[in-house]
Amino acid sequence: MNIKNFHIPIILISILIAIISNFGSFAGVIEFLTFLKPDSAFNGYIRFLSFEETFFDKNEWWRLITPMLIHFSFVHLAFNCLWLYVLGQKIELYDGHTKFISLVIFSSLVANYTQYIFSESSLFGGLSGVIYGMFGFCMIIELETKNERYGLPPAIYLFMLAWMLLGFLGILTMFGFGNVANYAHLGGFIGGLIFAMVTKFIRVLI
């Protein structure tokens, strides 16, 4: 395995954490990965520290991105890992390993923070925000180059945008997909768009 293929280790780590934590059921496994630091449990409910306590008092800044490694069901894990494998290898191949891992980190950060700001829950996770970040990145690049650089037909973009809309309308939850981190999807997508435009601007300057 080529260690520079960063999408492979991310997939493997996500699978390992899902297995060890029984898809997030064991709080002791995921407590170091949640967005906010868990403080205590009472009657089965986990209490989290505030944003300020987690990041400014405890300085646990890795939590801005690590929720992407938590998955709460097999379908959740399989869907995200499949897309990460498909898109990750294409982005690494055409744009390089550094740009890929930078995109993952940036889109994860934006997705997680957006989900935290606009949702009422402090417990969320998954690579889907990163997946939407990669879709946003690919969409901007393909619009610029006017070709299917990553082999993604327009119908795929329409499907992913429709899927995000169905999430916000509550239809995915209605059909048994659980509590969907819709704002993470939106935040990740916007993060991917921004990342693509910034890298495009830097390339023009250079």
Protein backbone atom coordinates (compact mmCIF):
# COMPACT_ATOMS: atom_id res chain seq x y z
CA MET A 1 0.00 0.00 0.00
CA ASN A 2 1.32 3.42 -0.95
CA ILE A 3 1.42 5.38 2.30
CA LYS A 4 0.91 8.59 0.33
CA ASN A 5 -2.62 7.48 -0.58
CA PHE A 6 -4.17 9.27 2.38
CA HIS A 7 -7.72 8.24 1.55
CA ILE A 8 -6.89 4.60 2.40
CA PRO A 9 -5.71 5.23 6.01
CA ILE A 10 -8.72 7.47 6.63
CA ILE A 11 -11.04 4.68 5.51
CA LEU A 12 -9.23 2.06 7.59
CA ILE A 13 -9.19 4.22 10.72
CA SER A 14 -12.92 4.96 10.32
CA ILE A 15 -13.70 1.26 9.99
CA LEU A 16 -11.53 0.38 12.99
CA ILE A 17 -13.19 3.01 15.20
CA ALA A 18 -16.65 1.87 14.08
CA ILE A 19 -15.84 -1.73 15.02
CA ILE A 20 -14.20 -0.94 18.37
CA SER A 21 -16.91 1.55 19.40
CA ASN A 22 -19.75 -0.63 18.08
CA PHE A 23 -20.79 2.27 15.84
CA GLY A 24 -20.52 4.89 18.54
CA SER A 25 -22.25 2.88 21.26
CA PHE A 26 -19.20 2.79 23.54
CA ALA A 27 -18.68 6.34 24.76
CA GLY A 28 -15.27 5.51 26.17
CA VAL A 29 -13.95 4.86 22.67
CA ILE A 30 -15.28 7.97 20.95
CA GLU A 31 -14.90 10.45 23.81
CA PHE A 32 -11.55 11.62 22.41
CA LEU A 33 -13.07 12.22 18.96
CA THR A 34 -16.29 14.14 19.66
CA PHE A 35 -16.51 17.82 18.76
CA LEU A 36 -16.92 18.93 22.37
CA LYS A 37 -15.17 17.25 25.28
CA PRO A 38 -17.47 14.99 27.32
CA ASP A 39 -17.58 16.02 30.95
CA SER A 40 -19.89 13.59 32.74
CA ALA A 41 -22.80 11.21 32.27
CA PHE A 42 -26.10 11.42 34.13
CA ASN A 43 -29.00 8.98 33.73
CA GLY A 44 -27.57 7.76 30.44
CA TYR A 45 -27.05 11.25 29.02
CA ILE A 46 -23.62 12.68 28.28
CA ARG A 47 -22.87 16.22 29.36
CA PHE A 48 -20.37 18.12 27.22
CA LEU A 49 -18.15 21.04 28.08
CA SER A 50 -18.80 24.31 26.27
CA PHE A 51 -16.96 25.35 23.12
CA GLU A 52 -14.81 27.76 25.11
CA GLU A 53 -13.96 25.14 27.74
CA THR A 54 -13.13 22.48 25.15
CA PHE A 55 -10.94 24.55 22.86
CA PHE A 56 -9.64 27.50 24.87
CA ASP A 57 -9.40 26.03 28.37
CA LYS A 58 -8.51 22.43 27.47
CA ASN A 59 -6.81 23.26 24.13
CA GLU A 60 -8.20 20.13 22.48
CA TRP A 61 -8.12 21.58 18.98
CA TRP A 62 -8.01 18.21 17.23
CA ARG A 63 -11.73 17.91 17.98
CA LEU A 64 -12.44 20.37 15.17
CA ILE A 65 -11.83 17.57 12.67
CA THR A 66 -11.97 14.20 14.48
CA PRO A 67 -15.79 13.81 14.48
CA MET A 68 -15.36 12.77 10.84
CA LEU A 69 -13.98 9.44 12.09
CA ILE A 70 -17.14 8.53 14.09
CA HIS A 71 -19.92 6.58 12.38
CA PHE A 72 -23.20 5.44 13.91
CA SER A 73 -24.36 2.67 11.56
CA PHE A 74 -23.04 0.26 8.95
CA VAL A 75 -24.87 2.08 6.14
CA HIS A 76 -23.45 5.39 7.36
CA LEU A 77 -19.92 3.96 7.32
CA ALA A 78 -20.23 2.06 4.04
CA PHE A 79 -21.73 4.99 2.11
CA ASN A 80 -19.05 7.42 3.28
CA CYS A 81 -16.10 5.05 2.82
CA LEU A 82 -17.24 4.11 -0.67
CA TRP A 83 -17.42 7.73 -1.78
CA LEU A 84 -14.13 8.56 -0.07
CA TYR A 85 -12.47 5.72 -1.96
CA VAL A 86 -13.98 6.77 -5.31
CA LEU A 87 -13.39 10.52 -4.99
CA GLY A 88 -10.30 10.39 -2.80
CA GLN A 89 -8.17 8.44 -5.24
CA LYS A 90 -9.23 10.69 -8.13
CA ILE A 91 -8.42 13.91 -6.28
CA GLU A 92 -5.09 12.54 -5.04
CA LEU A 93 -4.24 11.35 -8.56
CA TYR A 94 -5.04 14.62 -10.35
CA ASP A 95 -4.38 17.23 -7.66
CA GLY A 96 -1.80 15.63 -5.40
CA HIS A 97 -1.69 14.24 -1.88
CA THR A 98 -1.08 17.58 -0.17
CA LYS A 99 -4.10 19.24 -1.74
CA PHE A 100 -6.27 16.23 -0.94
CA ILE A 101 -5.41 16.07 2.76
CA SER A 102 -5.73 19.86 3.01
CA LEU A 103 -9.20 19.61 1.47
CA VAL A 104 -10.17 16.87 3.93
CA ILE A 105 -9.02 18.89 6.93
CA PHE A 106 -10.61 22.14 5.77
CA SER A 107 -13.95 20.66 4.75
CA SER A 108 -14.12 18.60 7.95
CA LEU A 109 -13.46 21.68 10.06
CA VAL A 110 -16.11 23.76 8.29
CA ALA A 111 -18.63 20.89 8.30
CA ASN A 112 -18.21 20.15 12.00
CA TYR A 113 -18.33 23.76 13.09
CA THR A 114 -21.41 24.43 10.95
CA GLN A 115 -23.17 21.39 12.41
CA TYR A 116 -22.30 22.52 15.94
CA ILE A 117 -23.49 26.09 15.38
CA PHE A 118 -26.84 25.26 13.76
CA SER A 119 -27.83 22.00 15.48
CA GLU A 120 -28.94 21.36 19.04
CA SER A 121 -26.70 18.31 19.45
CA SER A 122 -23.05 18.13 20.44
CA LEU A 123 -22.79 14.48 19.41
CA PHE A 124 -22.44 14.00 15.66
CA GLY A 125 -19.97 12.50 13.27
CA GLY A 126 -19.17 10.95 9.94
CA LEU A 127 -17.20 11.57 6.79
CA SER A 128 -20.23 12.87 4.90
CA GLY A 129 -19.23 16.50 5.45
CA VAL A 130 -15.86 15.69 3.88
CA ILE A 131 -17.59 13.83 1.03
CA TYR A 132 -19.71 16.88 0.29
CA GLY A 133 -16.56 18.99 0.51
CA MET A 134 -14.95 16.84 -2.16
CA PHE A 135 -18.06 17.10 -4.34
CA GLY A 136 -18.02 20.88 -4.00
CA PHE A 137 -14.32 20.97 -4.87
CA CYS A 138 -14.75 18.71 -7.91
CA MET A 139 -17.76 20.66 -9.13
CA ILE A 140 -15.91 23.97 -9.19
CA ILE A 141 -12.87 22.45 -10.90
CA GLU A 142 -14.99 20.72 -13.55
CA LEU A 143 -17.01 23.87 -14.19
CA GLU A 144 -13.75 25.74 -14.72
CA THR A 145 -12.19 23.17 -17.02
CA LYS A 146 -15.52 22.37 -18.77
CA ASN A 147 -14.81 18.63 -18.75
CA GLU A 148 -15.38 15.62 -16.50
CA ARG A 149 -11.90 15.76 -14.97
CA TYR A 150 -12.91 13.40 -12.15
CA GLY A 151 -15.24 11.24 -14.22
CA LEU A 152 -18.35 12.54 -12.46
CA PRO A 153 -21.37 13.11 -14.72
CA PRO A 154 -23.64 16.07 -13.90
CA ALA A 155 -26.32 13.65 -12.67
CA ILE A 156 -24.12 12.71 -9.71
CA TYR A 157 -23.91 16.33 -8.57
CA LEU A 158 -27.68 16.70 -8.95
CA PHE A 159 -28.23 13.51 -6.94
CA MET A 160 -25.99 14.66 -4.07
CA LEU A 161 -27.63 18.08 -3.94
CA ALA A 162 -31.07 16.45 -4.01
CA TRP A 163 -29.97 14.09 -1.22
CA MET A 164 -28.92 17.06 0.90
CA LEU A 165 -32.26 18.77 0.25
CA LEU A 166 -34.16 15.61 1.24
CA GLY A 167 -32.20 15.62 4.47
CA PHE A 168 -33.21 19.17 5.31
CA LEU A 169 -36.85 18.34 4.51
CA GLY A 170 -36.73 15.45 6.98
CA ILE A 171 -37.52 12.84 4.34
CA LEU A 172 -34.34 10.83 4.96
CA THR A 173 -35.16 10.55 8.65
CA MET A 174 -38.73 9.58 7.77
CA PHE A 175 -37.42 6.66 5.70
CA GLY A 176 -35.18 5.32 8.45
CA PHE A 177 -31.82 6.95 7.79
CA GLY A 178 -31.66 8.23 11.36
CA ASN A 179 -30.66 11.71 12.48
CA VAL A 180 -28.82 13.17 9.50
CA ALA A 181 -26.17 15.86 10.10
CA ASN A 182 -27.63 18.11 7.42
CA TYR A 183 -25.69 21.21 8.38
CA ALA A 184 -22.45 19.22 8.23
CA HIS A 185 -23.34 18.28 4.65
CA LEU A 186 -24.04 21.91 3.79
CA GLY A 187 -20.97 23.20 5.61
CA GLY A 188 -18.73 20.63 3.98
CA PHE A 189 -20.10 21.43 0.53
CA ILE A 190 -19.53 25.16 1.05
CA GLY A 191 -16.07 24.41 2.44
CA GLY A 192 -15.24 22.45 -0.71
CA LEU A 193 -16.43 25.31 -2.93
CA ILE A 194 -14.33 27.80 -0.98
CA PHE A 195 -11.27 25.53 -1.04
CA ALA A 196 -11.53 25.12 -4.81
CA MET A 197 -11.88 28.87 -5.40
CA VAL A 198 -9.01 29.73 -3.06
CA THR A 199 -6.64 27.20 -4.65
CA LYS A 200 -7.70 28.43 -8.08
CA PHE A 201 -6.92 32.01 -7.05
CA ILE A 202 -3.52 31.02 -5.62
CA ARG A 203 -2.70 29.14 -8.84
CA VAL A 204 -3.48 32.28 -10.88
CA LEU A 205 -1.23 34.39 -8.66
CA ILE A 206 1.64 31.94 -8.94
